[in-house]
Amino acid sequence: ARQLGGTGEFTVNSTPAAVPIYSRLGFTATGPHEVANGFKYIPMRRE
């Protein structure tokens, strides 16, 4: 992404179980959990 000129900023919708993994990769939660189509997720962002 950086080679292609990206800023290095990413967002994900993490499952609750994957939050610790994304946290280790530099992501932080940007809000409370949400539910869409029956799936629970936590929006996260990596600066």
ModelCIF file with pLDDT and N, C-alpha, C, O atoms, coordinates in Angstrom:
data_MODEL
#
_entry.id   MODEL 
#
_entity.id                         1 
_entity.type                       polymer 
_entity.pdbx_number_of_molecules   1 
#
_entity_poly.entity_id                      1 
_entity_poly.type                           'polypeptide(L)' 
_entity_poly.nstd_linkage                   no 
_entity_poly.nstd_monomer                   no 
_entity_poly.pdbx_seq_one_letter_code       ARQLGGTGEFTVNSTPAAVPIYSRLGFTATGPHEVANGFKYIPMRRE 
_entity_poly.pdbx_seq_one_letter_code_can   ARQLGGTGEFTVNSTPAAVPIYSRLGFTATGPHEVANGFKYIPMRRE 
_entity_poly.pdbx_strand_id                 A 
#
loop_
_entity_poly_seq.entity_id 
_entity_poly_seq.num 
_entity_poly_seq.mon_id 
_entity_poly_seq.hetero 
1 1  ALA n 
1 2  ARG n 
1 3  GLN n 
1 4  LEU n 
1 5  GLY n 
1 6  GLY n 
1 7  THR n 
1 8  GLY n 
1 9  GLU n 
1 10 PHE n 
1 11 THR n 
1 12 VAL n 
1 13 ASN n 
1 14 SER n 
1 15 THR n 
1 16 PRO n 
1 17 ALA n 
1 18 ALA n 
1 19 VAL n 
1 20 PRO n 
1 21 ILE n 
1 22 TYR n 
1 23 SER n 
1 24 ARG n 
1 25 LEU n 
1 26 GLY n 
1 27 PHE n 
1 28 THR n 
1 29 ALA n 
1 30 THR n 
1 31 GLY n 
1 32 PRO n 
1 33 HIS n 
1 34 GLU n 
1 35 VAL n 
1 36 ALA n 
1 37 ASN n 
1 38 GLY n 
1 39 PHE n 
1 40 LYS n 
1 41 TYR n 
1 42 ILE n 
1 43 PRO n 
1 44 MET n 
1 45 ARG n 
1 46 ARG n 
1 47 GLU n 
#
_struct_asym.id          A 
_struct_asym.entity_id   1 
#
loop_
_ma_qa_metric.id 
_ma_qa_metric.mode 
_ma_qa_metric.name 
_ma_qa_metric.software_group_id 
_ma_qa_metric.type 
1 global pLDDT . pLDDT 
2 local  pLDDT . pLDDT 
#
_ma_qa_metric_global.metric_id      1 
_ma_qa_metric_global.metric_value   91.43 
_ma_qa_metric_global.model_id       1 
_ma_qa_metric_global.ordinal_id     1 
#
loop_
_ma_qa_metric_local.label_asym_id 
_ma_qa_metric_local.label_comp_id 
_ma_qa_metric_local.label_seq_id 
_ma_qa_metric_local.metric_id 
_ma_qa_metric_local.metric_value 
_ma_qa_metric_local.model_id 
_ma_qa_metric_local.ordinal_id 
A ALA 1  2 86.00 1 1  
A ARG 2  2 84.00 1 2  
A GLN 3  2 88.00 1 3  
A LEU 4  2 89.00 1 4  
A GLY 5  2 87.00 1 5  
A GLY 6  2 84.00 1 6  
A THR 7  2 80.00 1 7  
A GLY 8  2 74.00 1 8  
A GLU 9  2 86.00 1 9  
A PHE 10 2 91.00 1 10 
A THR 11 2 92.00 1 11 
A VAL 12 2 93.00 1 12 
A ASN 13 2 95.00 1 13 
A SER 14 2 95.00 1 14 
A THR 15 2 94.00 1 15 
A PRO 16 2 95.00 1 16 
A ALA 17 2 93.00 1 17 
A ALA 18 2 92.00 1 18 
A VAL 19 2 94.00 1 19 
A PRO 20 2 93.00 1 20 
A ILE 21 2 88.00 1 21 
A TYR 22 2 91.00 1 22 
A SER 23 2 93.00 1 23 
A ARG 24 2 89.00 1 24 
A LEU 25 2 88.00 1 25 
A GLY 26 2 90.00 1 26 
A PHE 27 2 94.00 1 27 
A THR 28 2 96.00 1 28 
A ALA 29 2 97.00 1 29 
A THR 30 2 96.00 1 30 
A GLY 31 2 94.00 1 31 
A PRO 32 2 93.00 1 32 
A HIS 33 2 92.00 1 33 
A GLU 34 2 93.00 1 34 
A VAL 35 2 93.00 1 35 
A ALA 36 2 92.00 1 36 
A ASN 37 2 92.00 1 37 
A GLY 38 2 92.00 1 38 
A PHE 39 2 92.00 1 39 
A LYS 40 2 96.00 1 40 
A TYR 41 2 96.00 1 41 
A ILE 42 2 97.00 1 42 
A PRO 43 2 97.00 1 43 
A MET 44 2 97.00 1 44 
A ARG 45 2 96.00 1 45 
A ARG 46 2 93.00 1 46 
A GLU 47 2 85.00 1 47 
#
loop_
_atom_site.group_PDB 
_atom_site.id 
_atom_site.type_symbol 
_atom_site.label_atom_id 
_atom_site.label_alt_id 
_atom_site.label_comp_id 
_atom_site.label_asym_id 
_atom_site.label_entity_id 
_atom_site.label_seq_id 
_atom_site.pdbx_PDB_ins_code 
_atom_site.Cartn_x 
_atom_site.Cartn_y 
_atom_site.Cartn_z 
_atom_site.occupancy 
_atom_site.B_iso_or_equiv 
_atom_site.pdbx_formal_charge 
_atom_site.auth_seq_id 
_atom_site.auth_comp_id 
_atom_site.auth_asym_id 
_atom_site.auth_atom_id 
_atom_site.pdbx_PDB_model_num 
ATOM 1   N N  . ALA A 1 1  ? 0.833   -1.205  0.000  1.00 86.00 ? 1  ALA A N  1 
ATOM 2   C CA . ALA A 1 1  ? 0.000   0.000   0.000  1.00 86.00 ? 1  ALA A CA 1 
ATOM 3   C C  . ALA A 1 1  ? 0.867   1.253   0.000  1.00 86.00 ? 1  ALA A C  1 
ATOM 4   O O  . ALA A 1 1  ? 0.567   2.220   -0.700 1.00 86.00 ? 1  ALA A O  1 
ATOM 5   N N  . ARG A 1 2  ? 1.938   1.236   0.782  1.00 84.00 ? 2  ARG A N  1 
ATOM 6   C CA . ARG A 1 2  ? 2.841   2.390   0.822  1.00 84.00 ? 2  ARG A CA 1 
ATOM 7   C C  . ARG A 1 2  ? 3.558   2.569   -0.509 1.00 84.00 ? 2  ARG A C  1 
ATOM 8   O O  . ARG A 1 2  ? 3.744   3.698   -0.963 1.00 84.00 ? 2  ARG A O  1 
ATOM 9   N N  . GLN A 1 3  ? 3.968   1.460   -1.145 1.00 88.00 ? 3  GLN A N  1 
ATOM 10  C CA . GLN A 1 3  ? 4.628   1.537   -2.450 1.00 88.00 ? 3  GLN A CA 1 
ATOM 11  C C  . GLN A 1 3  ? 3.707   2.176   -3.485 1.00 88.00 ? 3  GLN A C  1 
ATOM 12  O O  . GLN A 1 3  ? 4.164   2.888   -4.379 1.00 88.00 ? 3  GLN A O  1 
ATOM 13  N N  . LEU A 1 4  ? 2.424   1.917   -3.357 1.00 89.00 ? 4  LEU A N  1 
ATOM 14  C CA . LEU A 1 4  ? 1.453   2.443   -4.305 1.00 89.00 ? 4  LEU A CA 1 
ATOM 15  C C  . LEU A 1 4  ? 0.974   3.843   -3.933 1.00 89.00 ? 4  LEU A C  1 
ATOM 16  O O  . LEU A 1 4  ? 0.053   4.374   -4.553 1.00 89.00 ? 4  LEU A O  1 
ATOM 17  N N  . GLY A 1 5  ? 1.606   4.442   -2.912 1.00 87.00 ? 5  GLY A N  1 
ATOM 18  C CA . GLY A 1 5  ? 1.285   5.808   -2.552 1.00 87.00 ? 5  GLY A CA 1 
ATOM 19  C C  . GLY A 1 5  ? 0.237   5.962   -1.475 1.00 87.00 ? 5  GLY A C  1 
ATOM 20  O O  . GLY A 1 5  ? -0.214  7.075   -1.207 1.00 87.00 ? 5  GLY A O  1 
ATOM 21  N N  . GLY A 1 6  ? -0.161  4.868   -0.851 1.00 84.00 ? 6  GLY A N  1 
ATOM 22  C CA . GLY A 1 6  ? -1.143  4.940   0.229  1.00 84.00 ? 6  GLY A CA 1 
ATOM 23  C C  . GLY A 1 6  ? -0.559  5.612   1.456  1.00 84.00 ? 6  GLY A C  1 
ATOM 24  O O  . GLY A 1 6  ? 0.659   5.717   1.603  1.00 84.00 ? 6  GLY A O  1 
ATOM 25  N N  . THR A 1 7  ? -1.428  6.061   2.322  1.00 80.00 ? 7  THR A N  1 
ATOM 26  C CA . THR A 1 7  ? -0.992  6.769   3.524  1.00 80.00 ? 7  THR A CA 1 
ATOM 27  C C  . THR A 1 7  ? -0.560  5.816   4.627  1.00 80.00 ? 7  THR A C  1 
ATOM 28  O O  . THR A 1 7  ? 0.082   6.238   5.589  1.00 80.00 ? 7  THR A O  1 
ATOM 29  N N  . GLY A 1 8  ? -0.897  4.548   4.504  1.00 74.00 ? 8  GLY A N  1 
ATOM 30  C CA . GLY A 1 8  ? -0.607  3.605   5.565  1.00 74.00 ? 8  GLY A CA 1 
ATOM 31  C C  . GLY A 1 8  ? -1.715  3.561   6.597  1.00 74.00 ? 8  GLY A C  1 
ATOM 32  O O  . GLY A 1 8  ? -1.567  2.906   7.629  1.00 74.00 ? 8  GLY A O  1 
ATOM 33  N N  . GLU A 1 9  ? -2.818  4.240   6.345  1.00 86.00 ? 9  GLU A N  1 
ATOM 34  C CA . GLU A 1 9  ? -3.957  4.268   7.253  1.00 86.00 ? 9  GLU A CA 1 
ATOM 35  C C  . GLU A 1 9  ? -4.980  3.228   6.789  1.00 86.00 ? 9  GLU A C  1 
ATOM 36  O O  . GLU A 1 9  ? -5.352  3.190   5.616  1.00 86.00 ? 9  GLU A O  1 
ATOM 37  N N  . PHE A 1 10 ? -5.429  2.385   7.727  1.00 91.00 ? 10 PHE A N  1 
ATOM 38  C CA . PHE A 1 10 ? -6.351  1.306   7.383  1.00 91.00 ? 10 PHE A CA 1 
ATOM 39  C C  . PHE A 1 10 ? -7.519  1.281   8.349  1.00 91.00 ? 10 PHE A C  1 
ATOM 40  O O  . PHE A 1 10 ? -7.396  1.708   9.497  1.00 91.00 ? 10 PHE A O  1 
ATOM 41  N N  . THR A 1 11 ? -8.654  0.778   7.882  1.00 92.00 ? 11 THR A N  1 
ATOM 42  C CA . THR A 1 11 ? -9.805  0.519   8.744  1.00 92.00 ? 11 THR A CA 1 
ATOM 43  C C  . THR A 1 11 ? -10.262 -0.913  8.526  1.00 92.00 ? 11 THR A C  1 
ATOM 44  O O  . THR A 1 11 ? -10.126 -1.464  7.434  1.00 92.00 ? 11 THR A O  1 
ATOM 45  N N  . VAL A 1 12 ? -10.808 -1.507  9.583  1.00 93.00 ? 12 VAL A N  1 
ATOM 46  C CA . VAL A 1 12 ? -11.373 -2.857  9.499  1.00 93.00 ? 12 VAL A CA 1 
ATOM 47  C C  . VAL A 1 12 ? -12.617 -2.914  10.365 1.00 93.00 ? 12 VAL A C  1 
ATOM 48  O O  . VAL A 1 12 ? -12.793 -2.106  11.277 1.00 93.00 ? 12 VAL A O  1 
ATOM 49  N N  . ASN A 1 13 ? -13.466 -3.863  10.073 1.00 95.00 ? 13 ASN A N  1 
ATOM 50  C CA . ASN A 1 13 ? -14.587 -4.218  10.934 1.00 95.00 ? 13 ASN A CA 1 
ATOM 51  C C  . ASN A 1 13 ? -14.237 -5.578  11.508 1.00 95.00 ? 13 ASN A C  1 
ATOM 52  O O  . ASN A 1 13 ? -14.405 -6.603  10.848 1.00 95.00 ? 13 ASN A O  1 
ATOM 53  N N  . SER A 1 14 ? -13.748 -5.583  12.744 1.00 95.00 ? 14 SER A N  1 
ATOM 54  C CA . SER A 1 14 ? -13.224 -6.784  13.378 1.00 95.00 ? 14 SER A CA 1 
ATOM 55  C C  . SER A 1 14 ? -14.301 -7.566  14.107 1.00 95.00 ? 14 SER A C  1 
ATOM 56  O O  . SER A 1 14 ? -15.192 -6.988  14.729 1.00 95.00 ? 14 SER A O  1 
ATOM 57  N N  . THR A 1 15 ? -14.212 -8.879  14.023 1.00 94.00 ? 15 THR A N  1 
ATOM 58  C CA . THR A 1 15 ? -15.049 -9.700  14.896 1.00 94.00 ? 15 THR A CA 1 
ATOM 59  C C  . THR A 1 15 ? -14.538 -9.500  16.317 1.00 94.00 ? 15 THR A C  1 
ATOM 60  O O  . THR A 1 15 ? -13.367 -9.172  16.506 1.00 94.00 ? 15 THR A O  1 
ATOM 61  N N  . PRO A 1 16 ? -15.389 -9.690  17.319 1.00 95.00 ? 16 PRO A N  1 
ATOM 62  C CA . PRO A 1 16 ? -14.915 -9.532  18.702 1.00 95.00 ? 16 PRO A CA 1 
ATOM 63  C C  . PRO A 1 16 ? -13.698 -10.412 19.015 1.00 95.00 ? 16 PRO A C  1 
ATOM 64  O O  . PRO A 1 16 ? -12.803 -9.983  19.744 1.00 95.00 ? 16 PRO A O  1 
ATOM 65  N N  . ALA A 1 17 ? -13.657 -11.613 18.485 1.00 93.00 ? 17 ALA A N  1 
ATOM 66  C CA . ALA A 1 17 ? -12.541 -12.526 18.763 1.00 93.00 ? 17 ALA A CA 1 
ATOM 67  C C  . ALA A 1 17 ? -11.227 -12.049 18.154 1.00 93.00 ? 17 ALA A C  1 
ATOM 68  O O  . ALA A 1 17 ? -10.161 -12.394 18.663 1.00 93.00 ? 17 ALA A O  1 
ATOM 69  N N  . ALA A 1 18 ? -11.274 -11.265 17.077 1.00 92.00 ? 18 ALA A N  1 
ATOM 70  C CA . ALA A 1 18 ? -10.063 -10.821 16.392 1.00 92.00 ? 18 ALA A CA 1 
ATOM 71  C C  . ALA A 1 18 ? -9.519  -9.494  16.902 1.00 92.00 ? 18 ALA A C  1 
ATOM 72  O O  . ALA A 1 18 ? -8.448  -9.065  16.471 1.00 92.00 ? 18 ALA A O  1 
ATOM 73  N N  . VAL A 1 19 ? -10.232 -8.837  17.808 1.00 94.00 ? 19 VAL A N  1 
ATOM 74  C CA . VAL A 1 19 ? -9.773  -7.538  18.315 1.00 94.00 ? 19 VAL A CA 1 
ATOM 75  C C  . VAL A 1 19 ? -8.356  -7.605  18.888 1.00 94.00 ? 19 VAL A C  1 
ATOM 76  O O  . VAL A 1 19 ? -7.554  -6.721  18.584 1.00 94.00 ? 19 VAL A O  1 
ATOM 77  N N  . PRO A 1 20 ? -8.004  -8.609  19.703 1.00 93.00 ? 20 PRO A N  1 
ATOM 78  C CA . PRO A 1 20 ? -6.630  -8.652  20.220 1.00 93.00 ? 20 PRO A CA 1 
ATOM 79  C C  . PRO A 1 20 ? -5.570  -8.762  19.114 1.00 93.00 ? 20 PRO A C  1 
ATOM 80  O O  . PRO A 1 20 ? -4.488  -8.187  19.230 1.00 93.00 ? 20 PRO A O  1 
ATOM 81  N N  . ILE A 1 21 ? -5.878  -9.482  18.072 1.00 88.00 ? 21 ILE A N  1 
ATOM 82  C CA . ILE A 1 21 ? -4.929  -9.627  16.959 1.00 88.00 ? 21 ILE A CA 1 
ATOM 83  C C  . ILE A 1 21 ? -4.745  -8.287  16.256 1.00 88.00 ? 21 ILE A C  1 
ATOM 84  O O  . ILE A 1 21 ? -3.616  -7.861  16.012 1.00 88.00 ? 21 ILE A O  1 
ATOM 85  N N  . TYR A 1 22 ? -5.848  -7.627  15.932 1.00 91.00 ? 22 TYR A N  1 
ATOM 86  C CA . TYR A 1 22 ? -5.747  -6.323  15.279 1.00 91.00 ? 22 TYR A CA 1 
ATOM 87  C C  . TYR A 1 22 ? -5.065  -5.301  16.188 1.00 91.00 ? 22 TYR A C  1 
ATOM 88  O O  . TYR A 1 22 ? -4.324  -4.441  15.712 1.00 91.00 ? 22 TYR A O  1 
ATOM 89  N N  . SER A 1 23 ? -5.311  -5.395  17.484 1.00 93.00 ? 23 SER A N  1 
ATOM 90  C CA . SER A 1 23 ? -4.659  -4.480  18.423 1.00 93.00 ? 23 SER A CA 1 
ATOM 91  C C  . SER A 1 23 ? -3.143  -4.650  18.376 1.00 93.00 ? 23 SER A C  1 
ATOM 92  O O  . SER A 1 23 ? -2.408  -3.663  18.406 1.00 93.00 ? 23 SER A O  1 
ATOM 93  N N  . ARG A 1 24 ? -2.671  -5.892  18.302 1.00 89.00 ? 24 ARG A N  1 
ATOM 94  C CA . ARG A 1 24 ? -1.229  -6.138  18.203 1.00 89.00 ? 24 ARG A CA 1 
ATOM 95  C C  . ARG A 1 24 ? -0.650  -5.577  16.905 1.00 89.00 ? 24 ARG A C  1 
ATOM 96  O O  . ARG A 1 24 ? 0.542   -5.276  16.836 1.00 89.00 ? 24 ARG A O  1 
ATOM 97  N N  . LEU A 1 25 ? -1.482  -5.438  15.887 1.00 88.00 ? 25 LEU A N  1 
ATOM 98  C CA . LEU A 1 25 ? -1.023  -4.894  14.605 1.00 88.00 ? 25 LEU A CA 1 
ATOM 99  C C  . LEU A 1 25 ? -1.147  -3.380  14.537 1.00 88.00 ? 25 LEU A C  1 
ATOM 100 O O  . LEU A 1 25 ? -0.906  -2.788  13.485 1.00 88.00 ? 25 LEU A O  1 
ATOM 101 N N  . GLY A 1 26 ? -1.521  -2.742  15.644 1.00 90.00 ? 26 GLY A N  1 
ATOM 102 C CA . GLY A 1 26 ? -1.574  -1.285  15.700 1.00 90.00 ? 26 GLY A CA 1 
ATOM 103 C C  . GLY A 1 26 ? -2.948  -0.669  15.526 1.00 90.00 ? 26 GLY A C  1 
ATOM 104 O O  . GLY A 1 26 ? -3.064  0.555   15.463 1.00 90.00 ? 26 GLY A O  1 
ATOM 105 N N  . PHE A 1 27 ? -3.990  -1.478  15.445 1.00 94.00 ? 27 PHE A N  1 
ATOM 106 C CA . PHE A 1 27 ? -5.348  -0.958  15.296 1.00 94.00 ? 27 PHE A CA 1 
ATOM 107 C C  . PHE A 1 27 ? -5.938  -0.618  16.660 1.00 94.00 ? 27 PHE A C  1 
ATOM 108 O O  . PHE A 1 27 ? -5.609  -1.248  17.665 1.00 94.00 ? 27 PHE A O  1 
ATOM 109 N N  . THR A 1 28 ? -6.813  0.385   16.685 1.00 96.00 ? 28 THR A N  1 
ATOM 110 C CA . THR A 1 28 ? -7.567  0.719   17.888 1.00 96.00 ? 28 THR A CA 1 
ATOM 111 C C  . THR A 1 28 ? -9.040  0.817   17.519 1.00 96.00 ? 28 THR A C  1 
ATOM 112 O O  . THR A 1 28 ? -9.390  1.181   16.396 1.00 96.00 ? 28 THR A O  1 
ATOM 113 N N  . ALA A 1 29 ? -9.888  0.489   18.471 1.00 97.00 ? 29 ALA A N  1 
ATOM 114 C CA . ALA A 1 29 ? -11.331 0.572   18.242 1.00 97.00 ? 29 ALA A CA 1 
ATOM 115 C C  . ALA A 1 29 ? -11.730 2.032   18.064 1.00 97.00 ? 29 ALA A C  1 
ATOM 116 O O  . ALA A 1 29 ? -11.231 2.911   18.767 1.00 97.00 ? 29 ALA A O  1 
ATOM 117 N N  . THR A 1 30 ? -12.632 2.283   17.121 1.00 96.00 ? 30 THR A N  1 
ATOM 118 C CA . THR A 1 30 ? -13.085 3.654   16.877 1.00 96.00 ? 30 THR A CA 1 
ATOM 119 C C  . THR A 1 30 ? -14.518 3.870   17.327 1.00 96.00 ? 30 THR A C  1 
ATOM 120 O O  . THR A 1 30 ? -15.072 4.954   17.145 1.00 96.00 ? 30 THR A O  1 
ATOM 121 N N  . GLY A 1 31 ? -15.116 2.851   17.910 1.00 94.00 ? 31 GLY A N  1 
ATOM 122 C CA . GLY A 1 31 ? -16.479 2.967   18.391 1.00 94.00 ? 31 GLY A CA 1 
ATOM 123 C C  . GLY A 1 31 ? -16.919 1.688   19.067 1.00 94.00 ? 31 GLY A C  1 
ATOM 124 O O  . GLY A 1 31 ? -16.167 0.715   19.124 1.00 94.00 ? 31 GLY A O  1 
ATOM 125 N N  . PRO A 1 32 ? -18.133 1.689   19.579 1.00 93.00 ? 32 PRO A N  1 
ATOM 126 C CA . PRO A 1 32 ? -18.654 0.485   20.221 1.00 93.00 ? 32 PRO A CA 1 
ATOM 127 C C  . PRO A 1 32 ? -18.991 -0.571  19.169 1.00 93.00 ? 32 PRO A C  1 
ATOM 128 O O  . PRO A 1 32 ? -18.982 -0.302  17.968 1.00 93.00 ? 32 PRO A O  1 
ATOM 129 N N  . HIS A 1 33 ? -19.290 -1.782  19.651 1.00 92.00 ? 33 HIS A N  1 
ATOM 130 C CA . HIS A 1 33 ? -19.644 -2.836  18.698 1.00 92.00 ? 33 HIS A CA 1 
ATOM 131 C C  . HIS A 1 33 ? -20.918 -2.449  17.957 1.00 92.00 ? 33 HIS A C  1 
ATOM 132 O O  . HIS A 1 33 ? -21.767 -1.721  18.470 1.00 92.00 ? 33 HIS A O  1 
ATOM 133 N N  . GLU A 1 34 ? -21.021 -2.955  16.748 1.00 93.00 ? 34 GLU A N  1 
ATOM 134 C CA . GLU A 1 34 ? -22.197 -2.730  15.915 1.00 93.00 ? 34 GLU A CA 1 
ATOM 135 C C  . GLU A 1 34 ? -22.681 -4.073  15.407 1.00 93.00 ? 34 GLU A C  1 
ATOM 136 O O  . GLU A 1 34 ? -21.957 -5.067  15.470 1.00 93.00 ? 34 GLU A O  1 
ATOM 137 N N  . VAL A 1 35 ? -23.901 -4.105  14.904 1.00 93.00 ? 35 VAL A N  1 
ATOM 138 C CA . VAL A 1 35 ? -24.455 -5.329  14.338 1.00 93.00 ? 35 VAL A CA 1 
ATOM 139 C C  . VAL A 1 35 ? -25.027 -4.998  12.973 1.00 93.00 ? 35 VAL A C  1 
ATOM 140 O O  . VAL A 1 35 ? -25.806 -4.055  12.828 1.00 93.00 ? 35 VAL A O  1 
ATOM 141 N N  . ALA A 1 36 ? -24.636 -5.781  11.970 1.00 92.00 ? 36 ALA A N  1 
ATOM 142 C CA . ALA A 1 36 ? -25.161 -5.617  10.617 1.00 92.00 ? 36 ALA A CA 1 
ATOM 143 C C  . ALA A 1 36 ? -25.455 -7.002  10.058 1.00 92.00 ? 36 ALA A C  1 
ATOM 144 O O  . ALA A 1 36 ? -24.586 -7.874  10.064 1.00 92.00 ? 36 ALA A O  1 
ATOM 145 N N  . ASN A 1 37 ? -26.652 -7.200  9.586  1.00 92.00 ? 37 ASN A N  1 
ATOM 146 C CA . ASN A 1 37 ? -27.079 -8.484  9.027  1.00 92.00 ? 37 ASN A CA 1 
ATOM 147 C C  . ASN A 1 37 ? -26.823 -9.637  9.988  1.00 92.00 ? 37 ASN A C  1 
ATOM 148 O O  . ASN A 1 37 ? -26.483 -10.741 9.563  1.00 92.00 ? 37 ASN A O  1 
ATOM 149 N N  . GLY A 1 38 ? -26.987 -9.382  11.280 1.00 92.00 ? 38 GLY A N  1 
ATOM 150 C CA . GLY A 1 38 ? -26.808 -10.410 12.289 1.00 92.00 ? 38 GLY A CA 1 
ATOM 151 C C  . GLY A 1 38 ? -25.370 -10.650 12.720 1.00 92.00 ? 38 GLY A C  1 
ATOM 152 O O  . GLY A 1 38 ? -25.121 -11.506 13.569 1.00 92.00 ? 38 GLY A O  1 
ATOM 153 N N  . PHE A 1 39 ? -24.415 -9.911  12.154 1.00 92.00 ? 39 PHE A N  1 
ATOM 154 C CA . PHE A 1 39 ? -23.009 -10.082 12.504 1.00 92.00 ? 39 PHE A CA 1 
ATOM 155 C C  . PHE A 1 39 ? -22.549 -8.939  13.397 1.00 92.00 ? 39 PHE A C  1 
ATOM 156 O O  . PHE A 1 39 ? -22.754 -7.767  13.081 1.00 92.00 ? 39 PHE A O  1 
ATOM 157 N N  . LYS A 1 40 ? -21.926 -9.292  14.517 1.00 96.00 ? 40 LYS A N  1 
ATOM 158 C CA . LYS A 1 40 ? -21.401 -8.309  15.451 1.00 96.00 ? 40 LYS A CA 1 
ATOM 159 C C  . LYS A 1 40 ? -19.960 -7.986  15.062 1.00 96.00 ? 40 LYS A C  1 
ATOM 160 O O  . LYS A 1 40 ? -19.168 -8.890  14.795 1.00 96.00 ? 40 LYS A O  1 
ATOM 161 N N  . TYR A 1 41 ? -19.621 -6.694  15.031 1.00 96.00 ? 41 TYR A N  1 
ATOM 162 C CA . TYR A 1 41 ? -18.257 -6.286  14.713 1.00 96.00 ? 41 TYR A CA 1 
ATOM 163 C C  . TYR A 1 41 ? -17.895 -5.009  15.461 1.00 96.00 ? 41 TYR A C  1 
ATOM 164 O O  . TYR A 1 41 ? -18.762 -4.276  15.936 1.00 96.00 ? 41 TYR A O  1 
ATOM 165 N N  . ILE A 1 42 ? -16.605 -4.766  15.551 1.00 97.00 ? 42 ILE A N  1 
ATOM 166 C CA . ILE A 1 42 ? -16.078 -3.573  16.177 1.00 97.00 ? 42 ILE A CA 1 
ATOM 167 C C  . ILE A 1 42 ? -15.294 -2.803  15.116 1.00 97.00 ? 42 ILE A C  1 
ATOM 168 O O  . ILE A 1 42 ? -14.328 -3.339  14.573 1.00 97.00 ? 42 ILE A O  1 
ATOM 169 N N  . PRO A 1 43 ? -15.676 -1.568  14.805 1.00 97.00 ? 43 PRO A N  1 
ATOM 170 C CA . PRO A 1 43 ? -14.901 -0.792  13.840 1.00 97.00 ? 43 PRO A CA 1 
ATOM 171 C C  . PRO A 1 43 ? -13.545 -0.419  14.440 1.00 97.00 ? 43 PRO A C  1 
ATOM 172 O O  . PRO A 1 43 ? -13.463 0.017   15.588 1.00 97.00 ? 43 PRO A O  1 
ATOM 173 N N  . MET A 1 44 ? -12.484 -0.595  13.653 1.00 97.00 ? 44 MET A N  1 
ATOM 174 C CA . MET A 1 44 ? -11.136 -0.306  14.127 1.00 97.00 ? 44 MET A CA 1 
ATOM 175 C C  . MET A 1 44 ? -10.363 0.452   13.051 1.00 97.00 ? 44 MET A C  1 
ATOM 176 O O  . MET A 1 44 ? -10.684 0.395   11.864 1.00 97.00 ? 44 MET A O  1 
ATOM 177 N N  . ARG A 1 45 ? -9.330  1.165   13.510 1.00 96.00 ? 45 ARG A N  1 
ATOM 178 C CA . ARG A 1 45 ? -8.534  1.980   12.590 1.00 96.00 ? 45 ARG A CA 1 
ATOM 179 C C  . ARG A 1 45 ? -7.070  1.882   13.001 1.00 96.00 ? 45 ARG A C  1 
ATOM 180 O O  . ARG A 1 45 ? -6.741  1.797   14.185 1.00 96.00 ? 45 ARG A O  1 
ATOM 181 N N  . ARG A 1 46 ? -6.218  1.896   12.013 1.00 93.00 ? 46 ARG A N  1 
ATOM 182 C CA . ARG A 1 46 ? -4.771  1.910   12.248 1.00 93.00 ? 46 ARG A CA 1 
ATOM 183 C C  . ARG A 1 46 ? -4.237  3.202   11.670 1.00 93.00 ? 46 ARG A C  1 
ATOM 184 O O  . ARG A 1 46 ? -4.357  3.460   10.472 1.00 93.00 ? 46 ARG A O  1 
ATOM 185 N N  . GLU A 1 47 ? -3.647  4.012   12.533 1.00 85.00 ? 47 GLU A N  1 
ATOM 186 C CA . GLU A 1 47 ? -3.095  5.301   12.110 1.00 85.00 ? 47 GLU A CA 1 
ATOM 187 C C  . GLU A 1 47 ? -1.911  5.094   11.174 1.00 85.00 ? 47 GLU A C  1 
ATOM 188 O O  . GLU A 1 47 ? -1.313  6.065   10.711 1.00 85.00 ? 47 GLU A O  1 
#
